[in-house]
Amino acid sequence: MEENDFVSIWLEENGNPAIEELTQLNLDVASKSTKALADKGLSANDLAVSLDINPDEIKRWLMGRHTFSIKIIKEISDTLADYSMKSV
C-alpha cells in the first residue's frame, strides 16, 4: 500500500462495506440452510452425500466460513426440495 493512498487508508480505518455485506449474506444463507436441514431431520453429512461434496466443506458452509455462489445455493435448494418431495 502506498503511504498516501487515500482509498487504502480509508478501507483500513473503516472496513469495506461490500465485504461486510457479503459476509452477512453468507451467514444468513448458512443459518437458513442449517434450519432447513434441521426441519427436515437431515444432517450436514446427509447434504454432503446428496451433493457429493466433502463433509468438511459442507461444515464450512454451514458455519458461514465459505462464500456461497449462486450455483451452490441452487444445488442446496434443489437438494432440500428433493428431500421434501420424498417425504410427501
PDB file of N, CA and C in Angstrom:
ATOM      1  N   MET A   1       0.840  -1.177   0.000  1.00  0.00           N
ATOM      2  CA  MET A   1       0.000   0.000   0.000  1.00  0.00           C
ATOM      3  C   MET A   1       0.884   1.239   0.000  1.00  0.00           C
ATOM      4  N   GLU A   2       0.559   2.168  -0.868  1.00  0.00           N
ATOM      5  CA  GLU A   2       1.285   3.434  -0.861  1.00  0.00           C
ATOM      6  C   GLU A   2       0.908   4.202   0.396  1.00  0.00           C
ATOM      7  N   GLU A   3       1.864   4.943   0.922  1.00  0.00           N
ATOM      8  CA  GLU A   3       1.624   5.664   2.164  1.00  0.00           C
ATOM      9  C   GLU A   3       0.509   6.698   2.034  1.00  0.00           C
ATOM     10  N   ASN A   4       0.343   7.296   0.865  1.00  0.00           N
ATOM     11  CA  ASN A   4      -0.661   8.335   0.677  1.00  0.00           C
ATOM     12  C   ASN A   4      -1.877   7.863  -0.114  1.00  0.00           C
ATOM     13  N   ASP A   5      -2.105   6.588  -0.167  1.00  0.00           N
ATOM     14  CA  ASP A   5      -3.235   6.036  -0.907  1.00  0.00           C
ATOM     15  C   ASP A   5      -4.501   6.223  -0.066  1.00  0.00           C
ATOM     16  N   PHE A   6      -5.291   7.247  -0.406  1.00  0.00           N
ATOM     17  CA  PHE A   6      -6.473   7.612   0.378  1.00  0.00           C
ATOM     18  C   PHE A   6      -7.451   6.445   0.525  1.00  0.00           C
ATOM     19  N   VAL A   7      -7.726   5.733  -0.567  1.00  0.00           N
ATOM     20  CA  VAL A   7      -8.697   4.645  -0.527  1.00  0.00           C
ATOM     21  C   VAL A   7      -8.222   3.536   0.409  1.00  0.00           C
ATOM     22  N   SER A   8      -6.974   3.142   0.299  1.00  0.00           N
ATOM     23  CA  SER A   8      -6.447   2.087   1.170  1.00  0.00           C
ATOM     24  C   SER A   8      -6.483   2.508   2.635  1.00  0.00           C
ATOM     25  N   ILE A   9      -6.150   3.740   2.889  1.00  0.00           N
ATOM     26  CA  ILE A   9      -6.186   4.238   4.276  1.00  0.00           C
ATOM     27  C   ILE A   9      -7.620   4.227   4.793  1.00  0.00           C
ATOM     28  N   TRP A  10      -8.558   4.698   3.970  1.00  0.00           N
ATOM     29  CA  TRP A  10      -9.968   4.730   4.390  1.00  0.00           C
ATOM     30  C   TRP A  10     -10.481   3.319   4.662  1.00  0.00           C
ATOM     31  N   LEU A  11     -10.171   2.367   3.773  1.00  0.00           N
ATOM     32  CA  LEU A  11     -10.617   0.987   3.960  1.00  0.00           C
ATOM     33  C   LEU A  11     -10.011   0.373   5.211  1.00  0.00           C
ATOM     34  N   GLU A  12      -8.749   0.673   5.466  1.00  0.00           N
ATOM     35  CA  GLU A  12      -8.097   0.147   6.661  1.00  0.00           C
ATOM     36  C   GLU A  12      -8.765   0.690   7.926  1.00  0.00           C
ATOM     37  N   GLU A  13      -9.157   1.953   7.898  1.00  0.00           N
ATOM     38  CA  GLU A  13      -9.774   2.576   9.067  1.00  0.00           C
ATOM     39  C   GLU A  13     -11.249   2.224   9.221  1.00  0.00           C
ATOM     40  N   ASN A  14     -11.961   2.058   8.097  1.00  0.00           N
ATOM     41  CA  ASN A  14     -13.415   1.909   8.152  1.00  0.00           C
ATOM     42  C   ASN A  14     -13.940   0.549   7.726  1.00  0.00           C
ATOM     43  N   GLY A  15     -13.096  -0.277   7.178  1.00  0.00           N
ATOM     44  CA  GLY A  15     -13.557  -1.565   6.674  1.00  0.00           C
ATOM     45  C   GLY A  15     -14.175  -1.404   5.297  1.00  0.00           C
ATOM     46  N   ASN A  16     -14.551  -2.504   4.712  1.00  0.00           N
ATOM     47  CA  ASN A  16     -15.143  -2.491   3.386  1.00  0.00           C
ATOM     48  C   ASN A  16     -16.599  -2.914   3.498  1.00  0.00           C
ATOM     49  N   PRO A  17     -17.535  -1.976   3.285  1.00  0.00           N
ATOM     50  CA  PRO A  17     -18.957  -2.310   3.426  1.00  0.00           C
ATOM     51  C   PRO A  17     -19.397  -3.462   2.522  1.00  0.00           C
ATOM     52  N   ALA A  18     -18.837  -3.574   1.330  1.00  0.00           N
ATOM     53  CA  ALA A  18     -19.224  -4.655   0.424  1.00  0.00           C
ATOM     54  C   ALA A  18     -18.825  -6.013   0.997  1.00  0.00           C
ATOM     55  N   ILE A  19     -17.644  -6.086   1.577  1.00  0.00           N
ATOM     56  CA  ILE A  19     -17.194  -7.344   2.182  1.00  0.00           C
ATOM     57  C   ILE A  19     -18.035  -7.663   3.413  1.00  0.00           C
ATOM     58  N   GLU A  20     -18.346  -6.652   4.202  1.00  0.00           N
ATOM     59  CA  GLU A  20     -19.179  -6.870   5.378  1.00  0.00           C
ATOM     60  C   GLU A  20     -20.571  -7.349   4.979  1.00  0.00           C
ATOM     61  N   GLU A  21     -21.128  -6.786   3.898  1.00  0.00           N
ATOM     62  CA  GLU A  21     -22.437  -7.221   3.420  1.00  0.00           C
ATOM     63  C   GLU A  21     -22.383  -8.654   2.910  1.00  0.00           C
ATOM     64  N   LEU A  22     -21.361  -8.994   2.162  1.00  0.00           N
ATOM     65  CA  LEU A  22     -21.199 -10.353   1.662  1.00  0.00           C
ATOM     66  C   LEU A  22     -21.054 -11.345   2.813  1.00  0.00           C
ATOM     67  N   THR A  23     -20.291 -10.964   3.814  1.00  0.00           N
ATOM     68  CA  THR A  23     -20.118 -11.815   4.994  1.00  0.00           C
ATOM     69  C   THR A  23     -21.461 -12.065   5.665  1.00  0.00           C
ATOM     70  N   GLN A  24     -22.268 -11.018   5.815  1.00  0.00           N
ATOM     71  CA  GLN A  24     -23.581 -11.164   6.451  1.00  0.00           C
ATOM     72  C   GLN A  24     -24.498 -12.040   5.602  1.00  0.00           C
ATOM     73  N   LEU A  25     -24.464 -11.859   4.284  1.00  0.00           N
ATOM     74  CA  LEU A  25     -25.279 -12.697   3.402  1.00  0.00           C
ATOM     75  C   LEU A  25     -24.880 -14.169   3.525  1.00  0.00           C
ATOM     76  N   ASN A  26     -23.582 -14.442   3.583  1.00  0.00           N
ATOM     77  CA  ASN A  26     -23.120 -15.824   3.751  1.00  0.00           C
ATOM     78  C   ASN A  26     -23.613 -16.410   5.064  1.00  0.00           C
ATOM     79  N   LEU A  27     -23.559 -15.622   6.134  1.00  0.00           N
ATOM     80  CA  LEU A  27     -24.046 -16.096   7.427  1.00  0.00           C
ATOM     81  C   LEU A  27     -25.552 -16.358   7.379  1.00  0.00           C
ATOM     82  N   ASP A  28     -26.293 -15.500   6.671  1.00  0.00           N
ATOM     83  CA  ASP A  28     -27.737 -15.691   6.536  1.00  0.00           C
ATOM     84  C   ASP A  28     -28.058 -16.972   5.777  1.00  0.00           C
ATOM     85  N   VAL A  29     -27.358 -17.208   4.661  1.00  0.00           N
ATOM     86  CA  VAL A  29     -27.581 -18.426   3.873  1.00  0.00           C
ATOM     87  C   VAL A  29     -27.221 -19.647   4.715  1.00  0.00           C
ATOM     88  N   ALA A  30     -26.128 -19.576   5.432  1.00  0.00           N
ATOM     89  CA  ALA A  30     -25.704 -20.702   6.280  1.00  0.00           C
ATOM     90  C   ALA A  30     -26.758 -20.985   7.349  1.00  0.00           C
ATOM     91  N   SER A  31     -27.259 -19.944   7.978  1.00  0.00           N
ATOM     92  CA  SER A  31     -28.264 -20.103   9.027  1.00  0.00           C
ATOM     93  C   SER A  31     -29.551 -20.714   8.474  1.00  0.00           C
ATOM     94  N   LYS A  32     -30.004 -20.207   7.338  1.00  0.00           N
ATOM     95  CA  LYS A  32     -31.233 -20.733   6.728  1.00  0.00           C
ATOM     96  C   LYS A  32     -31.049 -22.175   6.267  1.00  0.00           C
ATOM     97  N   SER A  33     -29.870 -22.494   5.748  1.00  0.00           N
ATOM     98  CA  SER A  33     -29.596 -23.862   5.316  1.00  0.00           C
ATOM     99  C   SER A  33     -29.586 -24.811   6.502  1.00  0.00           C
ATOM    100  N   THR A  34     -28.960 -24.396   7.585  1.00  0.00           N
ATOM    101  CA  THR A  34     -28.915 -25.215   8.801  1.00  0.00           C
ATOM    102  C   THR A  34     -30.318 -25.456   9.336  1.00  0.00           C
ATOM    103  N   LYS A  35     -31.134 -24.406   9.349  1.00  0.00           N
ATOM    104  CA  LYS A  35     -32.517 -24.540   9.823  1.00  0.00           C
ATOM    105  C   LYS A  35     -33.316 -25.472   8.914  1.00  0.00           C
ATOM    106  N   ALA A  36     -33.155 -25.328   7.607  1.00  0.00           N
ATOM    107  CA  ALA A  36     -33.883 -26.185   6.667  1.00  0.00           C
ATOM    108  C   ALA A  36     -33.492 -27.648   6.846  1.00  0.00           C
ATOM    109  N   LEU A  37     -32.210 -27.896   7.050  1.00  0.00           N
ATOM    110  CA  LEU A  37     -31.765 -29.273   7.297  1.00  0.00           C
ATOM    111  C   LEU A  37     -32.404 -29.824   8.574  1.00  0.00           C
ATOM    112  N   ALA A  38     -32.375 -29.028   9.624  1.00  0.00           N
ATOM    113  CA  ALA A  38     -32.952 -29.465  10.899  1.00  0.00           C
ATOM    114  C   ALA A  38     -34.454 -29.718  10.756  1.00  0.00           C
ATOM    115  N   ASP A  39     -35.153 -28.835  10.057  1.00  0.00           N
ATOM    116  CA  ASP A  39     -36.595 -29.006   9.856  1.00  0.00           C
ATOM    117  C   ASP A  39     -36.922 -30.301   9.132  1.00  0.00           C
ATOM    118  N   LYS A  40     -36.019 -30.751   8.269  1.00  0.00           N
ATOM    119  CA  LYS A  40     -36.231 -31.981   7.506  1.00  0.00           C
ATOM    120  C   LYS A  40     -35.599 -33.202   8.173  1.00  0.00           C
ATOM    121  N   GLY A  41     -34.986 -32.988   9.344  1.00  0.00           N
ATOM    122  CA  GLY A  41     -34.352 -34.092  10.060  1.00  0.00           C
ATOM    123  C   GLY A  41     -33.093 -34.597   9.385  1.00  0.00           C
ATOM    124  N   LEU A  42     -32.404 -33.704   8.678  1.00  0.00           N
ATOM    125  CA  LEU A  42     -31.196 -34.087   7.955  1.00  0.00           C
ATOM    126  C   LEU A  42     -29.962 -33.526   8.640  1.00  0.00           C
ATOM    127  N   SER A  43     -28.838 -34.165   8.387  1.00  0.00           N
ATOM    128  CA  SER A  43     -27.567 -33.695   8.934  1.00  0.00           C
ATOM    129  C   SER A  43     -26.735 -33.060   7.826  1.00  0.00           C
ATOM    130  N   ALA A  44     -25.674 -32.406   8.236  1.00  0.00           N
ATOM    131  CA  ALA A  44     -24.725 -31.851   7.262  1.00  0.00           C
ATOM    132  C   ALA A  44     -24.138 -32.974   6.417  1.00  0.00           C
ATOM    133  N   ASN A  45     -23.947 -34.139   7.024  1.00  0.00           N
ATOM    134  CA  ASN A  45     -23.415 -35.286   6.284  1.00  0.00           C
ATOM    135  C   ASN A  45     -24.403 -35.760   5.211  1.00  0.00           C
ATOM    136  N   ASP A  46     -25.709 -35.730   5.519  1.00  0.00           N
ATOM    137  CA  ASP A  46     -26.717 -36.092   4.523  1.00  0.00           C
ATOM    138  C   ASP A  46     -26.627 -35.165   3.314  1.00  0.00           C
ATOM    139  N   LEU A  47     -26.463 -33.875   3.574  1.00  0.00           N
ATOM    140  CA  LEU A  47     -26.328 -32.907   2.487  1.00  0.00           C
ATOM    141  C   LEU A  47     -25.052 -33.168   1.690  1.00  0.00           C
ATOM    142  N   ALA A  48     -23.971 -33.482   2.388  1.00  0.00           N
ATOM    143  CA  ALA A  48     -22.702 -33.763   1.710  1.00  0.00           C
ATOM    144  C   ALA A  48     -22.832 -34.957   0.771  1.00  0.00           C
ATOM    145  N   VAL A  49     -23.498 -35.992   1.231  1.00  0.00           N
ATOM    146  CA  VAL A  49     -23.685 -37.185   0.399  1.00  0.00           C
ATOM    147  C   VAL A  49     -24.549 -36.838  -0.811  1.00  0.00           C
ATOM    148  N   SER A  50     -25.617 -36.099  -0.592  1.00  0.00           N
ATOM    149  CA  SER A  50     -26.525 -35.740  -1.693  1.00  0.00           C
ATOM    150  C   SER A  50     -25.840 -34.887  -2.746  1.00  0.00           C
ATOM    151  N   LEU A  51     -24.971 -33.979  -2.309  1.00  0.00           N
ATOM    152  CA  LEU A  51     -24.281 -33.086  -3.239  1.00  0.00           C
ATOM    153  C   LEU A  51     -22.956 -33.658  -3.724  1.00  0.00           C
ATOM    154  N   ASP A  52     -22.556 -34.799  -3.165  1.00  0.00           N
ATOM    155  CA  ASP A  52     -21.265 -35.420  -3.484  1.00  0.00           C
ATOM    156  C   ASP A  52     -20.124 -34.428  -3.236  1.00  0.00           C
ATOM    157  N   ILE A  53     -20.155 -33.848  -2.041  1.00  0.00           N
ATOM    158  CA  ILE A  53     -19.147 -32.870  -1.624  1.00  0.00           C
ATOM    159  C   ILE A  53     -18.587 -33.323  -0.278  1.00  0.00           C
ATOM    160  N   ASN A  54     -17.321 -33.069  -0.075  1.00  0.00           N
ATOM    161  CA  ASN A  54     -16.654 -33.424   1.172  1.00  0.00           C
ATOM    162  C   ASN A  54     -17.429 -32.844   2.367  1.00  0.00           C
ATOM    163  N   PRO A  55     -17.728 -33.675   3.370  1.00  0.00           N
ATOM    164  CA  PRO A  55     -18.465 -33.198   4.546  1.00  0.00           C
ATOM    165  C   PRO A  55     -17.801 -32.007   5.248  1.00  0.00           C
ATOM    166  N   ASP A  56     -16.475 -31.940   5.221  1.00  0.00           N
ATOM    167  CA  ASP A  56     -15.798 -30.796   5.844  1.00  0.00           C
ATOM    168  C   ASP A  56     -16.136 -29.491   5.121  1.00  0.00           C
ATOM    169  N   GLU A  57     -16.288 -29.569   3.810  1.00  0.00           N
ATOM    170  CA  GLU A  57     -16.677 -28.384   3.031  1.00  0.00           C
ATOM    171  C   GLU A  57     -18.082 -27.937   3.416  1.00  0.00           C
ATOM    172  N   ILE A  58     -18.986 -28.887   3.567  1.00  0.00           N
ATOM    173  CA  ILE A  58     -20.356 -28.563   3.979  1.00  0.00           C
ATOM    174  C   ILE A  58     -20.348 -27.907   5.357  1.00  0.00           C
ATOM    175  N   LYS A  59     -19.543 -28.431   6.259  1.00  0.00           N
ATOM    176  CA  LYS A  59     -19.463 -27.847   7.605  1.00  0.00           C
ATOM    177  C   LYS A  59     -18.975 -26.404   7.545  1.00  0.00           C
ATOM    178  N   ARG A  60     -17.999 -26.126   6.658  1.00  0.00           N
ATOM    179  CA  ARG A  60     -17.534 -24.738   6.498  1.00  0.00           C
ATOM    180  C   ARG A  60     -18.666 -23.858   5.973  1.00  0.00           C
ATOM    181  N   TRP A  61     -19.450 -24.392   5.032  1.00  0.00           N
ATOM    182  CA  TRP A  61     -20.589 -23.627   4.508  1.00  0.00           C
ATOM    183  C   TRP A  61     -21.555 -23.286   5.622  1.00  0.00           C
ATOM    184  N   LEU A  62     -21.908 -24.299   6.414  1.00  0.00           N
ATOM    185  CA  LEU A  62     -22.934 -24.115   7.435  1.00  0.00           C
ATOM    186  C   LEU A  62     -22.452 -23.271   8.612  1.00  0.00           C
ATOM    187  N   MET A  63     -21.156 -23.070   8.711  1.00  0.00           N
ATOM    188  CA  MET A  63     -20.617 -22.172   9.739  1.00  0.00           C
ATOM    189  C   MET A  63     -20.448 -20.759   9.185  1.00  0.00           C
ATOM    190  N   GLY A  64     -20.759 -20.571   7.900  1.00  0.00           N
ATOM    191  CA  GLY A  64     -20.649 -19.257   7.279  1.00  0.00           C
ATOM    192  C   GLY A  64     -19.233 -18.873   6.916  1.00  0.00           C
ATOM    193  N   ARG A  65     -18.329 -19.858   6.846  1.00  0.00           N
ATOM    194  CA  ARG A  65     -16.928 -19.566   6.539  1.00  0.00           C
ATOM    195  C   ARG A  65     -16.581 -19.836   5.082  1.00  0.00           C
ATOM    196  N   HIS A  66     -17.578 -19.887   4.255  1.00  0.00           N
ATOM    197  CA  HIS A  66     -17.362 -20.154   2.838  1.00  0.00           C
ATOM    198  C   HIS A  66     -18.280 -19.234   2.053  1.00  0.00           C
ATOM    199  N   THR A  67     -17.779 -18.653   0.989  1.00  0.00           N
ATOM    200  CA  THR A  67     -18.606 -17.797   0.160  1.00  0.00           C
ATOM    201  C   THR A  67     -19.504 -18.669  -0.713  1.00  0.00           C
ATOM    202  N   PHE A  68     -20.791 -18.427  -0.635  1.00  0.00           N
ATOM    203  CA  PHE A  68     -21.747 -19.181  -1.423  1.00  0.00           C
ATOM    204  C   PHE A  68     -21.852 -18.581  -2.819  1.00  0.00           C
ATOM    205  N   SER A  69     -21.770 -19.435  -3.806  1.00  0.00           N
ATOM    206  CA  SER A  69     -22.036 -18.996  -5.174  1.00  0.00           C
ATOM    207  C   SER A  69     -23.516 -19.249  -5.457  1.00  0.00           C
ATOM    208  N   ILE A  70     -24.026 -18.615  -6.489  1.00  0.00           N
ATOM    209  CA  ILE A  70     -25.413 -18.860  -6.884  1.00  0.00           C
ATOM    210  C   ILE A  70     -25.602 -20.340  -7.212  1.00  0.00           C
ATOM    211  N   LYS A  71     -24.608 -20.946  -7.846  1.00  0.00           N
ATOM    212  CA  LYS A  71     -24.682 -22.369  -8.202  1.00  0.00           C
ATOM    213  C   LYS A  71     -24.849 -23.236  -6.954  1.00  0.00           C
ATOM    214  N   ILE A  72     -24.057 -22.960  -5.935  1.00  0.00           N
ATOM    215  CA  ILE A  72     -24.129 -23.760  -4.704  1.00  0.00           C
ATOM    216  C   ILE A  72     -25.463 -23.538  -3.996  1.00  0.00           C
ATOM    217  N   ILE A  73     -25.924 -22.302  -3.943  1.00  0.00           N
ATOM    218  CA  ILE A  73     -27.216 -22.022  -3.305  1.00  0.00           C
ATOM    219  C   ILE A  73     -28.323 -22.798  -4.029  1.00  0.00           C
ATOM    220  N   LYS A  74     -28.267 -22.817  -5.356  1.00  0.00           N
ATOM    221  CA  LYS A  74     -29.272 -23.556  -6.125  1.00  0.00           C
ATOM    222  C   LYS A  74     -29.166 -25.050  -5.848  1.00  0.00           C
ATOM    223  N   GLU A  75     -27.959 -25.582  -5.782  1.00  0.00           N
ATOM    224  CA  GLU A  75     -27.791 -27.014  -5.510  1.00  0.00           C
ATOM    225  C   GLU A  75     -28.339 -27.377  -4.125  1.00  0.00           C
ATOM    226  N   ILE A  76     -28.065 -26.547  -3.144  1.00  0.00           N
ATOM    227  CA  ILE A  76     -28.599 -26.802  -1.791  1.00  0.00           C
ATOM    228  C   ILE A  76     -30.117 -26.735  -1.823  1.00  0.00           C
ATOM    229  N   SER A  77     -30.648 -25.709  -2.457  1.00  0.00           N
ATOM    230  CA  SER A  77     -32.098 -25.540  -2.549  1.00  0.00           C
ATOM    231  C   SER A  77     -32.753 -26.724  -3.253  1.00  0.00           C
ATOM    232  N   ASP A  78     -32.181 -27.142  -4.369  1.00  0.00           N
ATOM    233  CA  ASP A  78     -32.730 -28.276  -5.112  1.00  0.00           C
ATOM    234  C   ASP A  78     -32.675 -29.558  -4.285  1.00  0.00           C
ATOM    235  N   THR A  79     -31.574 -29.758  -3.582  1.00  0.00           N
ATOM    236  CA  THR A  79     -31.426 -30.953  -2.753  1.00  0.00           C
ATOM    237  C   THR A  79     -32.461 -30.968  -1.638  1.00  0.00           C
ATOM    238  N   LEU A  80     -32.644 -29.828  -0.988  1.00  0.00           N
ATOM    239  CA  LEU A  80     -33.642 -29.761   0.086  1.00  0.00           C
ATOM    240  C   LEU A  80     -35.049 -29.948  -0.471  1.00  0.00           C
ATOM    241  N   ALA A  81     -35.304 -29.428  -1.659  1.00  0.00           N
ATOM    242  CA  ALA A  81     -36.610 -29.621  -2.291  1.00  0.00           C
ATOM    243  C   ALA A  81     -36.827 -31.089  -2.624  1.00  0.00           C
ATOM    244  N   ASP A  82     -35.769 -31.767  -3.079  1.00  0.00           N
ATOM    245  CA  ASP A  82     -35.870 -33.196  -3.375  1.00  0.00           C
ATOM    246  C   ASP A  82     -36.239 -33.982  -2.119  1.00  0.00           C
ATOM    247  N   TYR A  83     -35.643 -33.619  -0.981  1.00  0.00           N
ATOM    248  CA  TYR A  83     -35.985 -34.299   0.268  1.00  0.00           C
ATOM    249  C   TYR A  83     -37.431 -34.022   0.652  1.00  0.00           C
ATOM    250  N   SER A  84     -37.926 -32.820   0.363  1.00  0.00           N
ATOM    251  CA  SER A  84     -39.319 -32.502   0.664  1.00  0.00           C
ATOM    252  C   SER A  84     -40.246 -33.378  -0.154  1.00  0.00           C
ATOM    253  N   MET A  85     -39.896 -33.584  -1.420  1.00  0.00           N
ATOM    254  CA  MET A  85     -40.726 -34.403  -2.298  1.00  0.00           C
ATOM    255  C   MET A  85     -40.719 -35.856  -1.847  1.00  0.00           C
ATOM    256  N   LYS A  86     -39.602 -36.337  -1.317  1.00  0.00           N
ATOM    257  CA  LYS A  86     -39.504 -37.729  -0.870  1.00  0.00           C
ATOM    258  C   LYS A  86     -40.345 -37.964   0.374  1.00  0.00           C
ATOM    259  N   SER A  87     -40.518 -36.917   1.190  1.00  0.00           N
ATOM    260  CA  SER A  87     -41.256 -37.110   2.448  1.00  0.00           C
ATOM    261  C   SER A  87     -42.742 -36.930   2.279  1.00  0.00           C
ATOM    262  N   VAL A  88     -43.205 -36.559   1.068  1.00  0.00           N
ATOM    263  CA  VAL A  88     -44.637 -36.349   0.829  1.00  0.00           C
ATOM    264  C   VAL A  88     -45.304 -37.663   0.550  1.00  0.00           C
TER     265      VAL A  88
END
